[in-house]
Amino acid sequence: MAYTQADLDALQAALAKGERRVTFGDKTVEYRSVEELQAAIAAVKRGLFEQAVATGLWPDAPRQIRITTAKGT
């Protein structure tokens, strides 16, 4: 699913106000707990990051480099 910054802003505003109900345009979602709302925020942040990497908007995306060494015999 494609997330937007507005989605993240709405989730964070609801968390800051202590609300569990969030409205995205014409849809309303009610979360069962604060932990579930925080998990949704983390998922949206992860989605936004992945979208930025995929489209090249995040040119310095973290990369993993593995170096292997061995002693000569």
PDB file of N, CA and C in Angstrom:
ATOM      1  N   MET A   1       0.832  -1.175   0.000  1.00  0.00           N
ATOM      2  CA  MET A   1       0.000   0.000   0.000  1.00  0.00           C
ATOM      3  C   MET A   1       0.880   1.242   0.000  1.00  0.00           C
ATOM      4  N   ALA A   2       0.514   2.217  -0.768  1.00  0.00           N
ATOM      5  CA  ALA A   2       1.272   3.457  -0.837  1.00  0.00           C
ATOM      6  C   ALA A   2       0.814   4.393   0.279  1.00  0.00           C
ATOM      7  N   TYR A   3       1.758   4.802   1.099  1.00  0.00           N
ATOM      8  CA  TYR A   3       1.464   5.709   2.195  1.00  0.00           C
ATOM      9  C   TYR A   3       1.856   7.124   1.802  1.00  0.00           C
ATOM     10  N   THR A   4       1.256   8.093   2.474  1.00  0.00           N
ATOM     11  CA  THR A   4       1.599   9.490   2.243  1.00  0.00           C
ATOM     12  C   THR A   4       2.026  10.119   3.564  1.00  0.00           C
ATOM     13  N   GLN A   5       2.653  11.259   3.449  1.00  0.00           N
ATOM     14  CA  GLN A   5       3.061  11.988   4.646  1.00  0.00           C
ATOM     15  C   GLN A   5       1.832  12.398   5.450  1.00  0.00           C
ATOM     16  N   ALA A   6       0.723  12.664   4.770  1.00  0.00           N
ATOM     17  CA  ALA A   6      -0.519  13.032   5.463  1.00  0.00           C
ATOM     18  C   ALA A   6      -1.011  11.884   6.345  1.00  0.00           C
ATOM     19  N   ASP A   7      -0.841  10.646   5.882  1.00  0.00           N
ATOM     20  CA  ASP A   7      -1.215   9.482   6.698  1.00  0.00           C
ATOM     21  C   ASP A   7      -0.397   9.460   7.980  1.00  0.00           C
ATOM     22  N   LEU A   8       0.899   9.653   7.843  1.00  0.00           N
ATOM     23  CA  LEU A   8       1.779   9.648   9.014  1.00  0.00           C
ATOM     24  C   LEU A   8       1.435  10.793   9.960  1.00  0.00           C
ATOM     25  N   ASP A   9       1.176  11.972   9.407  1.00  0.00           N
ATOM     26  CA  ASP A   9       0.829  13.130  10.235  1.00  0.00           C
ATOM     27  C   ASP A   9      -0.459  12.884  11.014  1.00  0.00           C
ATOM     28  N   ALA A  10      -1.448  12.276  10.371  1.00  0.00           N
ATOM     29  CA  ALA A  10      -2.725  11.993  11.036  1.00  0.00           C
ATOM     30  C   ALA A  10      -2.533  11.002  12.181  1.00  0.00           C
ATOM     31  N   LEU A  11      -1.728   9.975  11.959  1.00  0.00           N
ATOM     32  CA  LEU A  11      -1.470   8.984  13.007  1.00  0.00           C
ATOM     33  C   LEU A  11      -0.736   9.613  14.185  1.00  0.00           C
ATOM     34  N   GLN A  12       0.276  10.407  13.895  1.00  0.00           N
ATOM     35  CA  GLN A  12       1.053  11.029  14.963  1.00  0.00           C
ATOM     36  C   GLN A  12       0.222  12.058  15.730  1.00  0.00           C
ATOM     37  N   ALA A  13      -0.659  12.773  15.039  1.00  0.00           N
ATOM     38  CA  ALA A  13      -1.530  13.736  15.721  1.00  0.00           C
ATOM     39  C   ALA A  13      -2.494  13.020  16.656  1.00  0.00           C
ATOM     40  N   ALA A  14      -3.028  11.899  16.210  1.00  0.00           N
ATOM     41  CA  ALA A  14      -3.939  11.127  17.058  1.00  0.00           C
ATOM     42  C   ALA A  14      -3.211  10.605  18.295  1.00  0.00           C
ATOM     43  N   LEU A  15      -1.997  10.136  18.111  1.00  0.00           N
ATOM     44  CA  LEU A  15      -1.214   9.639  19.240  1.00  0.00           C
ATOM     45  C   LEU A  15      -0.921  10.765  20.231  1.00  0.00           C
ATOM     46  N   ALA A  16      -0.576  11.935  19.717  1.00  0.00           N
ATOM     47  CA  ALA A  16      -0.264  13.078  20.582  1.00  0.00           C
ATOM     48  C   ALA A  16      -1.483  13.530  21.376  1.00  0.00           C
ATOM     49  N   LYS A  17      -2.670  13.410  20.783  1.00  0.00           N
ATOM     50  CA  LYS A  17      -3.904  13.820  21.459  1.00  0.00           C
ATOM     51  C   LYS A  17      -4.462  12.725  22.358  1.00  0.00           C
ATOM     52  N   GLY A  18      -3.913  11.525  22.267  1.00  0.00           N
ATOM     53  CA  GLY A  18      -4.423  10.419  23.057  1.00  0.00           C
ATOM     54  C   GLY A  18      -5.649   9.770  22.466  1.00  0.00           C
ATOM     55  N   GLU A  19      -5.886  10.001  21.193  1.00  0.00           N
ATOM     56  CA  GLU A  19      -7.049   9.424  20.508  1.00  0.00           C
ATOM     57  C   GLU A  19      -6.675   8.083  19.902  1.00  0.00           C
ATOM     58  N   ARG A  20      -7.685   7.258  19.707  1.00  0.00           N
ATOM     59  CA  ARG A  20      -7.460   5.973  19.050  1.00  0.00           C
ATOM     60  C   ARG A  20      -8.158   5.913  17.700  1.00  0.00           C
ATOM     61  N   ARG A  21      -8.926   6.937  17.371  1.00  0.00           N
ATOM     62  CA  ARG A  21      -9.652   6.982  16.102  1.00  0.00           C
ATOM     63  C   ARG A  21      -8.945   7.965  15.168  1.00  0.00           C
ATOM     64  N   VAL A  22      -8.626   7.498  13.961  1.00  0.00           N
ATOM     65  CA  VAL A  22      -7.910   8.314  12.983  1.00  0.00           C
ATOM     66  C   VAL A  22      -8.705   8.333  11.688  1.00  0.00           C
ATOM     67  N   THR A  23      -8.819   9.513  11.063  1.00  0.00           N
ATOM     68  CA  THR A  23      -9.539   9.650   9.806  1.00  0.00           C
ATOM     69  C   THR A  23      -8.552   9.955   8.693  1.00  0.00           C
ATOM     70  N   PHE A  24      -8.613   9.152   7.639  1.00  0.00           N
ATOM     71  CA  PHE A  24      -7.798   9.333   6.437  1.00  0.00           C
ATOM     72  C   PHE A  24      -8.754   9.651   5.297  1.00  0.00           C
ATOM     73  N   GLY A  25      -8.904  10.922   4.978  1.00  0.00           N
ATOM     74  CA  GLY A  25      -9.827  11.289   3.911  1.00  0.00           C
ATOM     75  C   GLY A  25     -11.252  10.906   4.290  1.00  0.00           C
ATOM     76  N   ASP A  26     -11.801   9.924   3.598  1.00  0.00           N
ATOM     77  CA  ASP A  26     -13.179   9.493   3.868  1.00  0.00           C
ATOM     78  C   ASP A  26     -13.243   8.211   4.698  1.00  0.00           C
ATOM     79  N   LYS A  27     -12.094   7.698   5.146  1.00  0.00           N
ATOM     80  CA  LYS A  27     -12.052   6.465   5.935  1.00  0.00           C
ATOM     81  C   LYS A  27     -11.664   6.775   7.377  1.00  0.00           C
ATOM     82  N   THR A  28     -12.286   6.055   8.307  1.00  0.00           N
ATOM     83  CA  THR A  28     -11.968   6.201   9.720  1.00  0.00           C
ATOM     84  C   THR A  28     -11.556   4.843  10.275  1.00  0.00           C
ATOM     85  N   VAL A  29     -10.454   4.846  11.011  1.00  0.00           N
ATOM     86  CA  VAL A  29      -9.945   3.615  11.616  1.00  0.00           C
ATOM     87  C   VAL A  29      -9.855   3.841  13.118  1.00  0.00           C
ATOM     88  N   GLU A  30     -10.340   2.872  13.887  1.00  0.00           N
ATOM     89  CA  GLU A  30     -10.215   2.948  15.338  1.00  0.00           C
ATOM     90  C   GLU A  30      -9.285   1.837  15.801  1.00  0.00           C
ATOM     91  N   TYR A  31      -8.200   2.212  16.468  1.00  0.00           N
ATOM     92  CA  TYR A  31      -7.214   1.256  16.953  1.00  0.00           C
ATOM     93  C   TYR A  31      -7.609   0.791  18.351  1.00  0.00           C
ATOM     94  N   ARG A  32      -7.277  -0.427  18.681  1.00  0.00           N
ATOM     95  CA  ARG A  32      -7.669  -1.012  19.964  1.00  0.00           C
ATOM     96  C   ARG A  32      -6.827  -0.514  21.125  1.00  0.00           C
ATOM     97  N   SER A  33      -5.578  -0.144  20.840  1.00  0.00           N
ATOM     98  CA  SER A  33      -4.692   0.282  21.920  1.00  0.00           C
ATOM     99  C   SER A  33      -3.665   1.267  21.378  1.00  0.00           C
ATOM    100  N   VAL A  34      -2.962   1.890  22.305  1.00  0.00           N
ATOM    101  CA  VAL A  34      -1.887   2.819  21.930  1.00  0.00           C
ATOM    102  C   VAL A  34      -0.767   2.052  21.240  1.00  0.00           C
ATOM    103  N   GLU A  35      -0.511   0.834  21.701  1.00  0.00           N
ATOM    104  CA  GLU A  35       0.544   0.018  21.096  1.00  0.00           C
ATOM    105  C   GLU A  35       0.217  -0.292  19.634  1.00  0.00           C
ATOM    106  N   GLU A  36      -1.054  -0.550  19.348  1.00  0.00           N
ATOM    107  CA  GLU A  36      -1.453  -0.822  17.970  1.00  0.00           C
ATOM    108  C   GLU A  36      -1.291   0.434  17.106  1.00  0.00           C
ATOM    109  N   LEU A  37      -1.596   1.588  17.672  1.00  0.00           N
ATOM    110  CA  LEU A  37      -1.414   2.857  16.958  1.00  0.00           C
ATOM    111  C   LEU A  37       0.070   3.107  16.704  1.00  0.00           C
ATOM    112  N   GLN A  38       0.915   2.821  17.685  1.00  0.00           N
ATOM    113  CA  GLN A  38       2.356   2.996  17.502  1.00  0.00           C
ATOM    114  C   GLN A  38       2.888   2.028  16.448  1.00  0.00           C
ATOM    115  N   ALA A  39       2.357   0.826  16.397  1.00  0.00           N
ATOM    116  CA  ALA A  39       2.762  -0.138  15.373  1.00  0.00           C
ATOM    117  C   ALA A  39       2.357   0.359  13.992  1.00  0.00           C
ATOM    118  N   ALA A  40       1.193   0.983  13.890  1.00  0.00           N
ATOM    119  CA  ALA A  40       0.747   1.536  12.608  1.00  0.00           C
ATOM    120  C   ALA A  40       1.667   2.674  12.174  1.00  0.00           C
ATOM    121  N   ILE A  41       2.080   3.503  13.114  1.00  0.00           N
ATOM    122  CA  ILE A  41       3.012   4.598  12.800  1.00  0.00           C
ATOM    123  C   ILE A  41       4.325   4.031  12.284  1.00  0.00           C
ATOM    124  N   ALA A  42       4.832   3.006  12.952  1.00  0.00           N
ATOM    125  CA  ALA A  42       6.088   2.385  12.521  1.00  0.00           C
ATOM    126  C   ALA A  42       5.939   1.783  11.122  1.00  0.00           C
ATOM    127  N   ALA A  43       4.808   1.156  10.847  1.00  0.00           N
ATOM    128  CA  ALA A  43       4.590   0.558   9.527  1.00  0.00           C
ATOM    129  C   ALA A  43       4.527   1.628   8.439  1.00  0.00           C
ATOM    130  N   VAL A  44       3.885   2.755   8.736  1.00  0.00           N
ATOM    131  CA  VAL A  44       3.798   3.838   7.746  1.00  0.00           C
ATOM    132  C   VAL A  44       5.175   4.449   7.515  1.00  0.00           C
ATOM    133  N   LYS A  45       5.939   4.647   8.586  1.00  0.00           N
ATOM    134  CA  LYS A  45       7.306   5.185   8.426  1.00  0.00           C
ATOM    135  C   LYS A  45       8.151   4.249   7.576  1.00  0.00           C
ATOM    136  N   ARG A  46       8.043   2.950   7.841  1.00  0.00           N
ATOM    137  CA  ARG A  46       8.797   1.962   7.072  1.00  0.00           C
ATOM    138  C   ARG A  46       8.362   1.982   5.605  1.00  0.00           C
ATOM    139  N   GLY A  47       7.057   2.088   5.374  1.00  0.00           N
ATOM    140  CA  GLY A  47       6.544   2.152   4.010  1.00  0.00           C
ATOM    141  C   GLY A  47       7.011   3.386   3.268  1.00  0.00           C
ATOM    142  N   LEU A  48       6.996   4.531   3.943  1.00  0.00           N
ATOM    143  CA  LEU A  48       7.471   5.763   3.317  1.00  0.00           C
ATOM    144  C   LEU A  48       8.950   5.675   2.976  1.00  0.00           C
ATOM    145  N   PHE A  49       9.729   5.087   3.876  1.00  0.00           N
ATOM    146  CA  PHE A  49      11.157   4.924   3.622  1.00  0.00           C
ATOM    147  C   PHE A  49      11.387   4.006   2.414  1.00  0.00           C
ATOM    148  N   GLU A  50      10.662   2.887   2.368  1.00  0.00           N
ATOM    149  CA  GLU A  50      10.822   1.949   1.253  1.00  0.00           C
ATOM    150  C   GLU A  50      10.419   2.589  -0.071  1.00  0.00           C
ATOM    151  N   GLN A  51       9.369   3.408  -0.061  1.00  0.00           N
ATOM    152  CA  GLN A  51       8.951   4.108  -1.268  1.00  0.00           C
ATOM    153  C   GLN A  51      10.028   5.100  -1.712  1.00  0.00           C
ATOM    154  N   ALA A  52      10.623   5.804  -0.756  1.00  0.00           N
ATOM    155  CA  ALA A  52      11.662   6.778  -1.084  1.00  0.00           C
ATOM    156  C   ALA A  52      12.884   6.081  -1.672  1.00  0.00           C
ATOM    157  N   VAL A  53      13.247   4.938  -1.127  1.00  0.00           N
ATOM    158  CA  VAL A  53      14.397   4.199  -1.647  1.00  0.00           C
ATOM    159  C   VAL A  53      14.098   3.681  -3.050  1.00  0.00           C
ATOM    160  N   ALA A  54      12.903   3.141  -3.248  1.00  0.00           N
ATOM    161  CA  ALA A  54      12.535   2.560  -4.540  1.00  0.00           C
ATOM    162  C   ALA A  54      12.475   3.606  -5.647  1.00  0.00           C
ATOM    163  N   THR A  55      12.072   4.819  -5.308  1.00  0.00           N
ATOM    164  CA  THR A  55      11.959   5.864  -6.328  1.00  0.00           C
ATOM    165  C   THR A  55      13.230   6.690  -6.473  1.00  0.00           C
ATOM    166  N   GLY A  56      14.223   6.416  -5.642  1.00  0.00           N
ATOM    167  CA  GLY A  56      15.487   7.142  -5.746  1.00  0.00           C
ATOM    168  C   GLY A  56      15.480   8.472  -5.021  1.00  0.00           C
ATOM    169  N   LEU A  57      14.432   8.750  -4.248  1.00  0.00           N
ATOM    170  CA  LEU A  57      14.374   9.996  -3.496  1.00  0.00           C
ATOM    171  C   LEU A  57      15.270   9.963  -2.268  1.00  0.00           C
ATOM    172  N   TRP A  58      15.732   8.790  -1.904  1.00  0.00           N
ATOM    173  CA  TRP A  58      16.642   8.609  -0.772  1.00  0.00           C
ATOM    174  C   TRP A  58      17.924   8.024  -1.342  1.00  0.00           C
ATOM    175  N   PRO A  59      18.782   8.869  -1.895  1.00  0.00           N
ATOM    176  CA  PRO A  59      19.960   8.349  -2.589  1.00  0.00           C
ATOM    177  C   PRO A  59      20.983   7.687  -1.683  1.00  0.00           C
ATOM    178  N   ASP A  60      21.035   8.082  -0.436  1.00  0.00           N
ATOM    179  CA  ASP A  60      22.023   7.530   0.479  1.00  0.00           C
ATOM    180  C   ASP A  60      21.389   6.502   1.408  1.00  0.00           C
ATOM    181  N   ALA A  61      20.618   5.616   0.824  1.00  0.00           N
ATOM    182  CA  ALA A  61      19.961   4.586   1.620  1.00  0.00           C
ATOM    183  C   ALA A  61      21.010   3.714   2.288  1.00  0.00           C
ATOM    184  N   PRO A  62      20.747   3.291   3.503  1.00  0.00           N
ATOM    185  CA  PRO A  62      21.718   2.440   4.203  1.00  0.00           C
ATOM    186  C   PRO A  62      21.990   1.162   3.422  1.00  0.00           C
ATOM    187  N   ARG A  63      23.226   0.817   3.352  1.00  0.00           N
ATOM    188  CA  ARG A  63      23.623  -0.406   2.664  1.00  0.00           C
ATOM    189  C   ARG A  63      24.437  -1.251   3.618  1.00  0.00           C
ATOM    190  N   GLN A  64      24.436  -2.519   3.362  1.00  0.00           N
ATOM    191  CA  GLN A  64      25.198  -3.430   4.211  1.00  0.00           C
ATOM    192  C   GLN A  64      26.379  -3.927   3.419  1.00  0.00           C
ATOM    193  N   ILE A  65      27.551  -3.788   4.002  1.00  0.00           N
ATOM    194  CA  ILE A  65      28.773  -4.252   3.354  1.00  0.00           C
ATOM    195  C   ILE A  65      29.377  -5.327   4.254  1.00  0.00           C
ATOM    196  N   ARG A  66      29.663  -6.470   3.657  1.00  0.00           N
ATOM    197  CA  ARG A  66      30.262  -7.573   4.423  1.00  0.00           C
ATOM    198  C   ARG A  66      31.695  -7.777   3.961  1.00  0.00           C
ATOM    199  N   ILE A  67      32.561  -7.836   4.921  1.00  0.00           N
ATOM    200  CA  ILE A  67      33.975  -8.060   4.615  1.00  0.00           C
ATOM    201  C   ILE A  67      34.365  -9.390   5.252  1.00  0.00           C
ATOM    202  N   THR A  68      34.940 -10.236   4.441  1.00  0.00           N
ATOM    203  CA  THR A  68      35.371 -11.550   4.920  1.00  0.00           C
ATOM    204  C   THR A  68      36.873 -11.670   4.741  1.00  0.00           C
ATOM    205  N   THR A  69      37.531 -12.110   5.779  1.00  0.00           N
ATOM    206  CA  THR A  69      38.970 -12.314   5.703  1.00  0.00           C
ATOM    207  C   THR A  69      39.309 -13.727   6.151  1.00  0.00           C
ATOM    208  N   ALA A  70      40.446 -14.188   5.735  1.00  0.00           N
ATOM    209  CA  ALA A  70      40.901 -15.517   6.144  1.00  0.00           C
ATOM    210  C   ALA A  70      42.430 -15.502   6.180  1.00  0.00           C
ATOM    211  N   LYS A  71      42.999 -16.272   7.078  1.00  0.00           N
ATOM    212  CA  LYS A  71      44.441 -16.385   7.157  1.00  0.00           C
ATOM    213  C   LYS A  71      44.911 -17.351   6.071  1.00  0.00           C
ATOM    214  N   GLY A  72      46.072 -17.082   5.563  1.00  0.00           N
ATOM    215  CA  GLY A  72      46.653 -18.024   4.581  1.00  0.00           C
ATOM    216  C   GLY A  72      47.065 -19.309   5.249  1.00  0.00           C
ATOM    217  N   THR A  73      47.104 -20.378   4.492  1.00  0.00           N
ATOM    218  CA  THR A  73      47.475 -21.671   5.083  1.00  0.00           C
ATOM    219  C   THR A  73      48.932 -21.966   4.938  1.00  0.00           C
TER     220      THR A  73
END
